[in-house]
PDB file of N, CA and C in Angstrom:
ATOM      1  N   UNK A   1      29.136   0.038   1.471  1.00  0.00           N
ATOM      2  CA  UNK A   1      28.783   0.670  -0.054  1.00  0.00           C
ATOM      3  C   UNK A   1      29.144  -0.142  -1.451  1.00  0.00           C
ATOM      4  N   UNK A   2      30.345  -1.552  -1.020  1.00  0.00           N
ATOM      5  CA  UNK A   2      30.249  -2.474  -2.210  1.00  0.00           C
ATOM      6  C   UNK A   2      28.890  -3.229  -1.861  1.00  0.00           C
ATOM      7  N   UNK A   3      29.047  -3.986  -0.514  1.00  0.00           N
ATOM      8  CA  UNK A   3      27.814  -4.657  -0.757  1.00  0.00           C
ATOM      9  C   UNK A   3      26.227  -3.855  -1.647  1.00  0.00           C
ATOM     10  N   UNK A   4      26.213  -3.215  -1.259  1.00  0.00           N
ATOM     11  CA  UNK A   4      25.425  -1.983  -2.536  1.00  0.00           C
ATOM     12  C   UNK A   4      25.228  -2.382  -3.826  1.00  0.00           C
ATOM     13  N   UNK A   5      26.285  -1.949  -3.961  1.00  0.00           N
ATOM     14  CA  UNK A   5      26.665  -2.297  -5.176  1.00  0.00           C
ATOM     15  C   UNK A   5      26.633  -3.640  -5.340  1.00  0.00           C
ATOM     16  N   UNK A   6      26.867  -4.372  -5.085  1.00  0.00           N
ATOM     17  CA  UNK A   6      27.034  -5.719  -5.525  1.00  0.00           C
ATOM     18  C   UNK A   6      25.833  -6.425  -5.571  1.00  0.00           C
ATOM     19  N   UNK A   7      24.674  -5.734  -4.792  1.00  0.00           N
ATOM     20  CA  UNK A   7      23.606  -6.233  -4.610  1.00  0.00           C
ATOM     21  C   UNK A   7      22.438  -5.578  -5.567  1.00  0.00           C
ATOM     22  N   UNK A   8      23.127  -3.897  -6.243  1.00  0.00           N
ATOM     23  CA  UNK A   8      22.403  -3.626  -6.754  1.00  0.00           C
ATOM     24  C   UNK A   8      22.904  -4.344  -8.372  1.00  0.00           C
ATOM     25  N   UNK A   9      23.965  -4.494  -8.543  1.00  0.00           N
ATOM     26  CA  UNK A   9      24.109  -5.244 -10.106  1.00  0.00           C
ATOM     27  C   UNK A   9      23.630  -7.127 -10.007  1.00  0.00           C
ATOM     28  N   UNK A  10      23.810  -7.514  -9.002  1.00  0.00           N
ATOM     29  CA  UNK A  10      22.785  -8.351  -9.035  1.00  0.00           C
ATOM     30  C   UNK A  10      21.201  -8.570  -9.695  1.00  0.00           C
ATOM     31  N   UNK A  11      20.354  -7.575  -9.395  1.00  0.00           N
ATOM     32  CA  UNK A  11      19.188  -7.922  -9.225  1.00  0.00           C
ATOM     33  C   UNK A  11      18.570  -7.794 -10.529  1.00  0.00           C
ATOM     34  N   UNK A  12      19.525  -6.792 -11.584  1.00  0.00           N
ATOM     35  CA  UNK A  12      18.765  -7.286 -12.998  1.00  0.00           C
ATOM     36  C   UNK A  12      18.667  -8.893 -13.159  1.00  0.00           C
ATOM     37  N   UNK A  13      20.162  -9.310 -12.836  1.00  0.00           N
ATOM     38  CA  UNK A  13      20.794 -10.468 -13.352  1.00  0.00           C
ATOM     39  C   UNK A  13      19.076 -11.673 -12.819  1.00  0.00           C
ATOM     40  N   UNK A  14      18.738 -11.596 -11.799  1.00  0.00           N
ATOM     41  CA  UNK A  14      17.942 -12.366 -10.813  1.00  0.00           C
ATOM     42  C   UNK A  14      15.988 -11.495 -11.433  1.00  0.00           C
ATOM     43  N   UNK A  15      16.322 -10.765 -12.052  1.00  0.00           N
ATOM     44  CA  UNK A  15      14.691 -10.305 -12.562  1.00  0.00           C
ATOM     45  C   UNK A  15      15.150 -10.686 -14.415  1.00  0.00           C
ATOM     46  N   UNK A  16      16.216 -10.586 -14.732  1.00  0.00           N
ATOM     47  CA  UNK A  16      16.146 -11.060 -16.324  1.00  0.00           C
ATOM     48  C   UNK A  16      15.832 -12.586 -16.773  1.00  0.00           C
ATOM     49  N   UNK A  17      16.177 -12.828 -15.378  1.00  0.00           N
ATOM     50  CA  UNK A  17      15.630 -14.502 -15.131  1.00  0.00           C
ATOM     51  C   UNK A  17      14.268 -14.866 -15.321  1.00  0.00           C
ATOM     52  N   UNK A  18      13.410 -14.019 -14.864  1.00  0.00           N
ATOM     53  CA  UNK A  18      12.141 -14.377 -14.967  1.00  0.00           C
ATOM     54  C   UNK A  18      10.873 -13.767 -15.902  1.00  0.00           C
ATOM     55  N   UNK A  19      11.873 -13.966 -16.849  1.00  0.00           N
ATOM     56  CA  UNK A  19      11.489 -13.820 -19.040  1.00  0.00           C
ATOM     57  C   UNK A  19      10.343 -14.682 -19.012  1.00  0.00           C
ATOM     58  N   UNK A  20       8.713 -14.181 -19.492  1.00  0.00           N
ATOM     59  CA  UNK A  20       8.176 -15.045 -19.565  1.00  0.00           C
ATOM     60  C   UNK A  20       7.636 -15.159 -21.068  1.00  0.00           C
ATOM     61  N   UNK A  21       6.969 -15.933 -21.701  1.00  0.00           N
ATOM     62  CA  UNK A  21       6.568 -16.395 -23.173  1.00  0.00           C
ATOM     63  C   UNK A  21       6.608 -17.708 -23.155  1.00  0.00           C
ATOM     64  N   UNK A  22       5.525 -17.923 -24.776  1.00  0.00           N
ATOM     65  CA  UNK A  22       5.621 -19.655 -25.073  1.00  0.00           C
ATOM     66  C   UNK A  22       6.522 -19.761 -25.861  1.00  0.00           C
ATOM     67  N   UNK A  23       6.876 -18.054 -27.130  1.00  0.00           N
ATOM     68  CA  UNK A  23       7.835 -18.960 -27.970  1.00  0.00           C
ATOM     69  C   UNK A  23       9.552 -18.113 -27.332  1.00  0.00           C
ATOM     70  N   UNK A  24      10.386 -18.675 -28.378  1.00  0.00           N
ATOM     71  CA  UNK A  24      11.790 -17.827 -28.367  1.00  0.00           C
ATOM     72  C   UNK A  24      11.784 -16.383 -28.275  1.00  0.00           C
ATOM     73  N   UNK A  25      11.242 -15.850 -29.171  1.00  0.00           N
ATOM     74  CA  UNK A  25      11.062 -15.028 -29.166  1.00  0.00           C
ATOM     75  C   UNK A  25      10.286 -13.876 -27.812  1.00  0.00           C
ATOM     76  N   UNK A  26       9.353 -14.310 -27.610  1.00  0.00           N
ATOM     77  CA  UNK A  26       8.502 -13.364 -27.182  1.00  0.00           C
ATOM     78  C   UNK A  26       9.179 -13.414 -25.166  1.00  0.00           C
ATOM     79  N   UNK A  27       9.997 -14.786 -25.427  1.00  0.00           N
ATOM     80  CA  UNK A  27      10.971 -14.958 -23.970  1.00  0.00           C
ATOM     81  C   UNK A  27      12.156 -13.553 -24.179  1.00  0.00           C
ATOM     82  N   UNK A  28      12.777 -13.433 -25.635  1.00  0.00           N
ATOM     83  CA  UNK A  28      14.013 -12.626 -25.598  1.00  0.00           C
ATOM     84  C   UNK A  28      12.982 -11.503 -25.380  1.00  0.00           C
ATOM     85  N   UNK A  29      12.222 -11.485 -26.288  1.00  0.00           N
ATOM     86  CA  UNK A  29      11.545  -9.690 -26.159  1.00  0.00           C
ATOM     87  C   UNK A  29      10.992  -8.827 -24.471  1.00  0.00           C
ATOM     88  N   UNK A  30      11.170 -10.139 -23.707  1.00  0.00           N
ATOM     89  CA  UNK A  30      10.404 -10.037 -22.395  1.00  0.00           C
ATOM     90  C   UNK A  30      11.285  -9.978 -21.528  1.00  0.00           C
ATOM     91  N   UNK A  31      12.625 -10.720 -21.629  1.00  0.00           N
ATOM     92  CA  UNK A  31      13.777 -10.645 -21.211  1.00  0.00           C
ATOM     93  C   UNK A  31      14.783  -9.527 -21.031  1.00  0.00           C
ATOM     94  N   UNK A  32      14.525  -8.943 -22.649  1.00  0.00           N
ATOM     95  CA  UNK A  32      15.378  -7.753 -22.883  1.00  0.00           C
ATOM     96  C   UNK A  32      14.246  -6.480 -21.734  1.00  0.00           C
ATOM     97  N   UNK A  33      13.362  -6.067 -22.140  1.00  0.00           N
ATOM     98  CA  UNK A  33      12.095  -5.279 -21.391  1.00  0.00           C
ATOM     99  C   UNK A  33      12.808  -5.412 -19.942  1.00  0.00           C
ATOM    100  N   UNK A  34      12.816  -6.690 -19.118  1.00  0.00           N
ATOM    101  CA  UNK A  34      12.512  -6.871 -18.058  1.00  0.00           C
ATOM    102  C   UNK A  34      14.399  -6.536 -17.531  1.00  0.00           C
ATOM    103  N   UNK A  35      15.579  -6.617 -18.070  1.00  0.00           N
ATOM    104  CA  UNK A  35      17.153  -5.821 -18.240  1.00  0.00           C
ATOM    105  C   UNK A  35      17.160  -4.683 -19.057  1.00  0.00           C
ATOM    106  N   UNK A  36      16.845  -4.232 -19.479  1.00  0.00           N
ATOM    107  CA  UNK A  36      16.550  -2.831 -20.000  1.00  0.00           C
ATOM    108  C   UNK A  36      15.632  -1.553 -18.658  1.00  0.00           C
ATOM    109  N   UNK A  37      14.897  -2.463 -18.049  1.00  0.00           N
ATOM    110  CA  UNK A  37      14.225  -1.734 -16.828  1.00  0.00           C
ATOM    111  C   UNK A  37      15.035  -1.580 -15.759  1.00  0.00           C
ATOM    112  N   UNK A  38      15.590  -2.765 -15.623  1.00  0.00           N
ATOM    113  CA  UNK A  38      16.384  -3.230 -14.066  1.00  0.00           C
ATOM    114  C   UNK A  38      18.303  -2.114 -14.750  1.00  0.00           C
ATOM    115  N   UNK A  39      18.425  -2.584 -15.945  1.00  0.00           N
ATOM    116  CA  UNK A  39      19.722  -1.631 -15.724  1.00  0.00           C
ATOM    117  C   UNK A  39      19.923   0.400 -15.788  1.00  0.00           C
ATOM    118  N   UNK A  40      17.870   0.457 -16.068  1.00  0.00           N
ATOM    119  CA  UNK A  40      17.943   2.216 -16.220  1.00  0.00           C
ATOM    120  C   UNK A  40      17.979   2.342 -14.373  1.00  0.00           C
ATOM    121  N   UNK A  41      17.040   1.144 -13.786  1.00  0.00           N
ATOM    122  CA  UNK A  41      17.128   1.750 -12.214  1.00  0.00           C
ATOM    123  C   UNK A  41      18.387   1.581 -11.719  1.00  0.00           C
ATOM    124  N   UNK A  42      19.446   0.361 -11.997  1.00  0.00           N
ATOM    125  CA  UNK A  42      20.480   0.222 -11.518  1.00  0.00           C
ATOM    126  C   UNK A  42      21.518   1.668 -11.849  1.00  0.00           C
ATOM    127  N   UNK A  43      21.316   2.237 -12.721  1.00  0.00           N
ATOM    128  CA  UNK A  43      21.979   2.926 -13.210  1.00  0.00           C
ATOM    129  C   UNK A  43      22.156   4.831 -12.600  1.00  0.00           C
ATOM    130  N   UNK A  44      20.768   4.376 -12.605  1.00  0.00           N
ATOM    131  CA  UNK A  44      19.867   6.003 -11.207  1.00  0.00           C
ATOM    132  C   UNK A  44      20.334   5.876 -10.329  1.00  0.00           C
ATOM    133  N   UNK A  45      20.389   4.585  -9.557  1.00  0.00           N
ATOM    134  CA  UNK A  45      20.701   4.996  -8.184  1.00  0.00           C
ATOM    135  C   UNK A  45      22.117   4.832  -8.316  1.00  0.00           C
ATOM    136  N   UNK A  46      22.797   4.034  -9.150  1.00  0.00           N
ATOM    137  CA  UNK A  46      24.373   4.551  -8.656  1.00  0.00           C
ATOM    138  C   UNK A  46      25.121   5.777  -9.222  1.00  0.00           C
ATOM    139  N   UNK A  47      24.105   6.526 -10.351  1.00  0.00           N
ATOM    140  CA  UNK A  47      24.393   7.743 -10.320  1.00  0.00           C
ATOM    141  C   UNK A  47      25.190   8.109 -11.999  1.00  0.00           C
ATOM    142  N   UNK A  48      25.160   6.823 -12.131  1.00  0.00           N
ATOM    143  CA  UNK A  48      26.183   6.428 -14.089  1.00  0.00           C
ATOM    144  C   UNK A  48      24.806   6.915 -15.109  1.00  0.00           C
ATOM    145  N   UNK A  49      25.712   7.499 -16.020  1.00  0.00           N
ATOM    146  CA  UNK A  49      24.491   8.031 -17.282  1.00  0.00           C
ATOM    147  C   UNK A  49      23.835   6.761 -17.598  1.00  0.00           C
ATOM    148  N   UNK A  50      22.758   6.717 -18.127  1.00  0.00           N
ATOM    149  CA  UNK A  50      21.795   6.194 -18.420  1.00  0.00           C
ATOM    150  C   UNK A  50      21.460   4.983 -19.627  1.00  0.00           C
ATOM    151  N   UNK A  51      21.675   5.648 -20.253  1.00  0.00           N
ATOM    152  CA  UNK A  51      21.583   4.610 -21.148  1.00  0.00           C
ATOM    153  C   UNK A  51      22.453   3.688 -21.526  1.00  0.00           C
ATOM    154  N   UNK A  52      23.886   3.844 -20.691  1.00  0.00           N
ATOM    155  CA  UNK A  52      24.998   2.230 -21.358  1.00  0.00           C
ATOM    156  C   UNK A  52      24.048   1.051 -19.936  1.00  0.00           C
ATOM    157  N   UNK A  53      23.745   2.029 -19.119  1.00  0.00           N
ATOM    158  CA  UNK A  53      23.420   0.253 -18.503  1.00  0.00           C
ATOM    159  C   UNK A  53      21.744   0.151 -18.963  1.00  0.00           C
ATOM    160  N   UNK A  54      21.509   0.823 -19.569  1.00  0.00           N
ATOM    161  CA  UNK A  54      20.379   0.306 -19.703  1.00  0.00           C
ATOM    162  C   UNK A  54      20.172  -0.884 -20.914  1.00  0.00           C
ATOM    163  N   UNK A  55      21.023  -0.438 -21.929  1.00  0.00           N
ATOM    164  CA  UNK A  55      21.453  -0.738 -23.436  1.00  0.00           C
ATOM    165  C   UNK A  55      21.932  -2.410 -22.709  1.00  0.00           C
ATOM    166  N   UNK A  56      22.644  -2.630 -22.150  1.00  0.00           N
ATOM    167  CA  UNK A  56      24.155  -3.510 -21.598  1.00  0.00           C
ATOM    168  C   UNK A  56      22.386  -4.556 -20.943  1.00  0.00           C
ATOM    169  N   UNK A  57      21.595  -4.426 -19.871  1.00  0.00           N
ATOM    170  CA  UNK A  57      20.986  -4.784 -19.186  1.00  0.00           C
ATOM    171  C   UNK A  57      19.548  -5.585 -20.317  1.00  0.00           C
ATOM    172  N   UNK A  58      19.229  -4.644 -21.218  1.00  0.00           N
ATOM    173  CA  UNK A  58      18.211  -5.224 -22.506  1.00  0.00           C
ATOM    174  C   UNK A  58      18.910  -6.205 -23.031  1.00  0.00           C
ATOM    175  N   UNK A  59      20.405  -5.913 -23.481  1.00  0.00           N
ATOM    176  CA  UNK A  59      20.656  -6.940 -24.286  1.00  0.00           C
ATOM    177  C   UNK A  59      21.229  -8.368 -23.384  1.00  0.00           C
ATOM    178  N   UNK A  60      21.603  -8.099 -22.356  1.00  0.00           N
ATOM    179  CA  UNK A  60      21.620  -9.592 -21.522  1.00  0.00           C
ATOM    180  C   UNK A  60      20.565 -10.241 -20.271  1.00  0.00           C
ATOM    181  N   UNK A  61      18.960  -9.501 -20.847  1.00  0.00           N
ATOM    182  CA  UNK A  61      17.834  -9.669 -20.164  1.00  0.00           C
ATOM    183  C   UNK A  61      17.778 -10.440 -21.656  1.00  0.00           C
ATOM    184  N   UNK A  62      17.961  -9.702 -23.117  1.00  0.00           N
ATOM    185  CA  UNK A  62      17.211 -11.137 -24.522  1.00  0.00           C
ATOM    186  C   UNK A  62      18.237 -12.262 -24.152  1.00  0.00           C
ATOM    187  N   UNK A  63      19.027 -12.041 -23.922  1.00  0.00           N
ATOM    188  CA  UNK A  63      20.116 -13.858 -24.015  1.00  0.00           C
ATOM    189  C   UNK A  63      19.588 -14.906 -23.448  1.00  0.00           C
ATOM    190  N   UNK A  64      19.393 -13.957 -21.995  1.00  0.00           N
ATOM    191  CA  UNK A  64      19.025 -14.736 -21.005  1.00  0.00           C
ATOM    192  C   UNK A  64      17.590 -15.407 -21.479  1.00  0.00           C
ATOM    193  N   UNK A  65      16.686 -14.444 -22.044  1.00  0.00           N
ATOM    194  CA  UNK A  65      15.186 -14.867 -21.857  1.00  0.00           C
ATOM    195  C   UNK A  65      15.050 -15.164 -23.160  1.00  0.00           C
ATOM    196  N   UNK A  66      15.824 -15.516 -23.790  1.00  0.00           N
ATOM    197  CA  UNK A  66      16.082 -16.196 -25.303  1.00  0.00           C
ATOM    198  C   UNK A  66      16.590 -17.947 -24.878  1.00  0.00           C
ATOM    199  N   UNK A  67      17.365 -17.800 -23.726  1.00  0.00           N
ATOM    200  CA  UNK A  67      18.046 -19.280 -23.617  1.00  0.00           C
ATOM    201  C   UNK A  67      17.083 -20.339 -22.647  1.00  0.00           C
ATOM    202  N   UNK A  68      16.321 -19.276 -22.230  1.00  0.00           N
ATOM    203  CA  UNK A  68      15.526 -19.837 -21.242  1.00  0.00           C
ATOM    204  C   UNK A  68      14.435 -20.793 -22.348  1.00  0.00           C
ATOM    205  N   UNK A  69      14.130 -22.104 -20.913  1.00  0.00           N
ATOM    206  CA  UNK A  69      12.874 -22.904 -21.476  1.00  0.00           C
ATOM    207  C   UNK A  69      11.695 -22.531 -21.421  1.00  0.00           C
ATOM    208  N   UNK A  70      10.071 -22.573 -22.193  1.00  0.00           N
ATOM    209  CA  UNK A  70       8.944 -22.315 -21.712  1.00  0.00           C
ATOM    210  C   UNK A  70       8.690 -22.490 -20.132  1.00  0.00           C
ATOM    211  N   UNK A  71       7.957 -21.825 -19.905  1.00  0.00           N
ATOM    212  CA  UNK A  71       7.929 -22.162 -18.066  1.00  0.00           C
ATOM    213  C   UNK A  71       8.752 -22.446 -17.212  1.00  0.00           C
ATOM    214  N   UNK A  72       9.833 -22.114 -17.595  1.00  0.00           N
ATOM    215  CA  UNK A  72      11.355 -22.359 -16.594  1.00  0.00           C
ATOM    216  C   UNK A  72      11.346 -22.866 -15.448  1.00  0.00           C
ATOM    217  N   UNK A  73      12.122 -23.400 -15.544  1.00  0.00           N
ATOM    218  CA  UNK A  73      12.142 -23.604 -13.693  1.00  0.00           C
ATOM    219  C   UNK A  73      11.619 -25.470 -13.471  1.00  0.00           C
ATOM    220  N   UNK A  74      11.763 -25.475 -12.287  1.00  0.00           N
ATOM    221  CA  UNK A  74      11.281 -26.724 -11.719  1.00  0.00           C
ATOM    222  C   UNK A  74      10.229 -26.792 -11.650  1.00  0.00           C
ATOM    223  N   UNK A  75       9.542 -27.962 -11.897  1.00  0.00           N
ATOM    224  CA  UNK A  75       7.984 -28.211 -12.185  1.00  0.00           C
ATOM    225  C   UNK A  75       7.195 -29.616 -10.920  1.00  0.00           C
TER     226      UNK A  75
END
């Protein structure tokens, strides 16, 4: 069970890193959307109330999306 929980907790982090967009604002919005969706999925799978994980995922995703550079990653 612990392994399942850890893997479910790491998935939103990786998804939030895949935010896309050309501007800082676009990356923040897409990262927030991805993070909120991932947080919602984790909350549903774990049986938690849904609003908390969705809010946390959205905030973390927006922060990570805003912190990335356009086209992020190695080229």
